[in-house]
Amino acid sequence: MTLPKIDDTITTEYAIKLCEHFGYKYLVTRLRENPNNYKDWVFDGASMVNDDIFSKLFHIPNLVEIALKHDLKYAYGEQGNKEEKLRADLEFELDLVNDGASPEIAKLMFVAVDKGGEESLKTKYTWAYAHT
């Protein structure tokens, strides 16, 4: 499976393949049942940070892949589902720690995505952002 690079466009068809690759069966089902409910989006890595510098500085070698996994959960998350969002954010934090981030950095990044990803903010990277 070829993972996207930063600035690649993620179509619904590509997202299904990525979700299959990562084992996100619930997202695959959601996307297949209603493919027209989602729009294309551009993968930006770990939003609002320089991925290369951040990755090296905080010892997170797979930061871009971790960000992709989190972005898939966010893009196709069920609108209004705060429990699903929290689960995605907690899994993001755990992935960071498992990849080498200190618990403190992982918690800081958790807080950033938890607060910055609130659906009500309606930015290009908030919860359920790929919904049409």
C-alpha atoms as a PDB file:
ATOM      1  CA  MET A   1       0.000   0.000   0.000  1.00  0.00           C
ATOM      2  CA  THR A   2       1.384   3.358  -1.015  1.00  0.00           C
ATOM      3  CA  LEU A   3       0.735   5.928   1.681  1.00  0.00           C
ATOM      4  CA  PRO A   4       0.106   9.515   0.650  1.00  0.00           C
ATOM      5  CA  LYS A   5       2.722  12.207   0.851  1.00  0.00           C
ATOM      6  CA  ILE A   6       2.029  15.623   2.295  1.00  0.00           C
ATOM      7  CA  ASP A   7      -0.089  17.672  -0.151  1.00  0.00           C
ATOM      8  CA  ASP A   8      -1.579  14.563  -1.798  1.00  0.00           C
ATOM      9  CA  THR A   9      -5.329  14.583  -2.367  1.00  0.00           C
ATOM     10  CA  ILE A  10      -7.325  11.918  -0.565  1.00  0.00           C
ATOM     11  CA  THR A  11     -10.363  10.827  -2.525  1.00  0.00           C
ATOM     12  CA  THR A  12     -13.069   8.646  -1.035  1.00  0.00           C
ATOM     13  CA  GLU A  13     -11.783   5.680  -3.059  1.00  0.00           C
ATOM     14  CA  TYR A  14      -8.221   6.208  -1.806  1.00  0.00           C
ATOM     15  CA  ALA A  15      -9.515   6.661   1.746  1.00  0.00           C
ATOM     16  CA  ILE A  16     -11.265   3.294   1.580  1.00  0.00           C
ATOM     17  CA  LYS A  17      -7.989   1.626   0.598  1.00  0.00           C
ATOM     18  CA  LEU A  18      -6.113   3.436   3.376  1.00  0.00           C
ATOM     19  CA  CYS A  19      -8.729   2.507   5.954  1.00  0.00           C
ATOM     20  CA  GLU A  20      -8.567  -1.122   4.820  1.00  0.00           C
ATOM     21  CA  HIS A  21      -4.769  -0.980   5.143  1.00  0.00           C
ATOM     22  CA  PHE A  22      -4.973   0.298   8.730  1.00  0.00           C
ATOM     23  CA  GLY A  23      -7.818  -2.044   9.681  1.00  0.00           C
ATOM     24  CA  TYR A  24     -10.464   0.647  10.200  1.00  0.00           C
ATOM     25  CA  LYS A  25     -13.386  -1.558   9.189  1.00  0.00           C
ATOM     26  CA  TYR A  26     -15.974   0.808  10.651  1.00  0.00           C
ATOM     27  CA  LEU A  27     -14.700   3.606   8.405  1.00  0.00           C
ATOM     28  CA  VAL A  28     -14.591   1.336   5.350  1.00  0.00           C
ATOM     29  CA  THR A  29     -18.226   0.411   5.971  1.00  0.00           C
ATOM     30  CA  ARG A  30     -19.208   4.062   6.496  1.00  0.00           C
ATOM     31  CA  LEU A  31     -17.461   5.169   3.307  1.00  0.00           C
ATOM     32  CA  ARG A  32     -18.830   2.343   1.175  1.00  0.00           C
ATOM     33  CA  GLU A  33     -22.393   2.843   2.377  1.00  0.00           C
ATOM     34  CA  ASN A  34     -22.477   6.559   1.528  1.00  0.00           C
ATOM     35  CA  PRO A  35     -19.526   7.525  -0.700  1.00  0.00           C
ATOM     36  CA  ASN A  36     -21.274  10.659  -1.976  1.00  0.00           C
ATOM     37  CA  ASN A  37     -21.450  12.094   1.550  1.00  0.00           C
ATOM     38  CA  TYR A  38     -17.727  12.869   1.512  1.00  0.00           C
ATOM     39  CA  LYS A  39     -15.474  15.287  -0.317  1.00  0.00           C
ATOM     40  CA  ASP A  40     -11.810  15.060  -1.303  1.00  0.00           C
ATOM     41  CA  TRP A  41      -9.264  16.606   1.035  1.00  0.00           C
ATOM     42  CA  VAL A  42      -5.540  17.324   1.057  1.00  0.00           C
ATOM     43  CA  PHE A  43      -3.286  15.506   3.503  1.00  0.00           C
ATOM     44  CA  ASP A  44      -1.134  17.993   5.412  1.00  0.00           C
ATOM     45  CA  GLY A  45       0.758  15.714   7.787  1.00  0.00           C
ATOM     46  CA  ALA A  46       0.627  16.780  11.415  1.00  0.00           C
ATOM     47  CA  SER A  47      -1.397  19.960  11.039  1.00  0.00           C
ATOM     48  CA  MET A  48       0.268  23.211  12.065  1.00  0.00           C
ATOM     49  CA  VAL A  49       3.776  21.790  12.676  1.00  0.00           C
ATOM     50  CA  ASN A  50       6.828  21.176  10.524  1.00  0.00           C
ATOM     51  CA  ASP A  51       6.734  17.392  10.388  1.00  0.00           C
ATOM     52  CA  ASP A  52      10.452  16.813   9.777  1.00  0.00           C
ATOM     53  CA  ILE A  53      11.664  19.102  12.543  1.00  0.00           C
ATOM     54  CA  PHE A  54       8.985  18.040  15.013  1.00  0.00           C
ATOM     55  CA  SER A  55       9.625  14.366  14.285  1.00  0.00           C
ATOM     56  CA  LYS A  56      13.364  14.682  14.902  1.00  0.00           C
ATOM     57  CA  LEU A  57      13.140  17.047  17.839  1.00  0.00           C
ATOM     58  CA  PHE A  58      10.646  14.909  19.759  1.00  0.00           C
ATOM     59  CA  HIS A  59      11.799  11.452  18.585  1.00  0.00           C
ATOM     60  CA  ILE A  60       8.628  10.528  16.676  1.00  0.00           C
ATOM     61  CA  PRO A  61       9.981   8.811  13.538  1.00  0.00           C
ATOM     62  CA  ASN A  62       6.539   7.865  12.167  1.00  0.00           C
ATOM     63  CA  LEU A  63       4.775  11.155  12.881  1.00  0.00           C
ATOM     64  CA  VAL A  64       3.441  11.561   9.336  1.00  0.00           C
ATOM     65  CA  GLU A  65       1.878   8.088   9.336  1.00  0.00           C
ATOM     66  CA  ILE A  66       0.437   8.656  12.814  1.00  0.00           C
ATOM     67  CA  ALA A  67      -1.044  11.941  11.590  1.00  0.00           C
ATOM     68  CA  LEU A  68      -2.532  10.162   8.565  1.00  0.00           C
ATOM     69  CA  LYS A  69      -4.240   7.581  10.755  1.00  0.00           C
ATOM     70  CA  HIS A  70      -5.664  10.350  12.932  1.00  0.00           C
ATOM     71  CA  ASP A  71      -6.729  12.371   9.888  1.00  0.00           C
ATOM     72  CA  LEU A  72      -8.647   9.420   8.454  1.00  0.00           C
ATOM     73  CA  LYS A  73     -10.547   9.028  11.710  1.00  0.00           C
ATOM     74  CA  TYR A  74     -11.238  12.772  11.803  1.00  0.00           C
ATOM     75  CA  ALA A  75     -12.161  13.205   8.146  1.00  0.00           C
ATOM     76  CA  TYR A  76     -14.726  10.409   8.210  1.00  0.00           C
ATOM     77  CA  GLY A  77     -15.777  10.597  11.844  1.00  0.00           C
ATOM     78  CA  GLU A  78     -19.479  10.540  12.577  1.00  0.00           C
ATOM     79  CA  GLN A  79     -20.731  14.095  12.889  1.00  0.00           C
ATOM     80  CA  GLY A  80     -21.607  14.983  16.469  1.00  0.00           C
ATOM     81  CA  ASN A  81     -20.074  11.796  17.899  1.00  0.00           C
ATOM     82  CA  LYS A  82     -17.895  13.094  20.750  1.00  0.00           C
ATOM     83  CA  GLU A  83     -17.070   9.598  21.996  1.00  0.00           C
ATOM     84  CA  GLU A  84     -15.676   8.565  18.605  1.00  0.00           C
ATOM     85  CA  LYS A  85     -13.629  11.788  18.458  1.00  0.00           C
ATOM     86  CA  LEU A  86     -12.227  11.225  21.946  1.00  0.00           C
ATOM     87  CA  ARG A  87     -11.292   7.652  21.004  1.00  0.00           C
ATOM     88  CA  ALA A  88      -9.459   8.928  17.903  1.00  0.00           C
ATOM     89  CA  ASP A  89      -7.579  11.494  19.999  1.00  0.00           C
ATOM     90  CA  LEU A  90      -6.627   8.962  22.676  1.00  0.00           C
ATOM     91  CA  GLU A  91      -5.412   6.507  20.014  1.00  0.00           C
ATOM     92  CA  PHE A  92      -3.346   9.350  18.518  1.00  0.00           C
ATOM     93  CA  GLU A  93      -1.728   9.987  21.908  1.00  0.00           C
ATOM     94  CA  LEU A  94      -0.989   6.279  22.383  1.00  0.00           C
ATOM     95  CA  ASP A  95       0.479   5.977  18.870  1.00  0.00           C
ATOM     96  CA  LEU A  96       2.811   8.891  19.630  1.00  0.00           C
ATOM     97  CA  VAL A  97       4.060   7.330  22.870  1.00  0.00           C
ATOM     98  CA  ASN A  98       4.481   3.939  21.196  1.00  0.00           C
ATOM     99  CA  ASP A  99       6.547   5.625  18.469  1.00  0.00           C
ATOM    100  CA  GLY A 100       8.959   7.271  20.910  1.00  0.00           C
ATOM    101  CA  ALA A 101       7.365  10.524  22.033  1.00  0.00           C
ATOM    102  CA  SER A 102       7.597  11.330  25.705  1.00  0.00           C
ATOM    103  CA  PRO A 103       4.320  11.076  27.595  1.00  0.00           C
ATOM    104  CA  GLU A 104       4.453  14.847  28.129  1.00  0.00           C
ATOM    105  CA  ILE A 105       4.768  15.648  24.409  1.00  0.00           C
ATOM    106  CA  ALA A 106       2.081  13.098  23.561  1.00  0.00           C
ATOM    107  CA  LYS A 107      -0.270  14.674  26.129  1.00  0.00           C
ATOM    108  CA  LEU A 108       0.451  18.160  24.746  1.00  0.00           C
ATOM    109  CA  MET A 109      -0.357  16.941  21.230  1.00  0.00           C
ATOM    110  CA  PHE A 110      -3.494  15.230  22.536  1.00  0.00           C
ATOM    111  CA  VAL A 111      -4.685  18.504  24.041  1.00  0.00           C
ATOM    112  CA  ALA A 112      -3.911  20.324  20.778  1.00  0.00           C
ATOM    113  CA  VAL A 113      -5.967  17.920  18.649  1.00  0.00           C
ATOM    114  CA  ASP A 114      -8.702  17.627  21.249  1.00  0.00           C
ATOM    115  CA  LYS A 115      -9.252  21.380  21.484  1.00  0.00           C
ATOM    116  CA  GLY A 116      -8.253  22.342  17.933  1.00  0.00           C
ATOM    117  CA  GLY A 117     -10.316  19.549  16.433  1.00  0.00           C
ATOM    118  CA  GLU A 118     -13.630  20.535  17.970  1.00  0.00           C
ATOM    119  CA  GLU A 119     -16.307  20.153  15.324  1.00  0.00           C
ATOM    120  CA  SER A 120     -17.826  23.547  16.113  1.00  0.00           C
ATOM    121  CA  LEU A 121     -14.646  25.310  14.926  1.00  0.00           C
ATOM    122  CA  LYS A 122     -15.360  24.245  11.306  1.00  0.00           C
ATOM    123  CA  THR A 123     -11.756  24.405  10.104  1.00  0.00           C
ATOM    124  CA  LYS A 124     -10.117  22.229   7.449  1.00  0.00           C
ATOM    125  CA  TYR A 125      -8.922  19.814  10.140  1.00  0.00           C
ATOM    126  CA  THR A 126     -11.779  19.656  12.664  1.00  0.00           C
ATOM    127  CA  TRP A 127     -13.848  16.573  13.414  1.00  0.00           C
ATOM    128  CA  ALA A 128     -15.817  15.215  10.416  1.00  0.00           C
ATOM    129  CA  TYR A 129     -14.165  17.638   7.984  1.00  0.00           C
ATOM    130  CA  ALA A 130     -14.580  15.482   4.861  1.00  0.00           C
ATOM    131  CA  HIS A 131     -18.368  15.423   5.094  1.00  0.00           C
ATOM    132  CA  THR A 132     -20.187  17.256   2.319  1.00  0.00           C
END
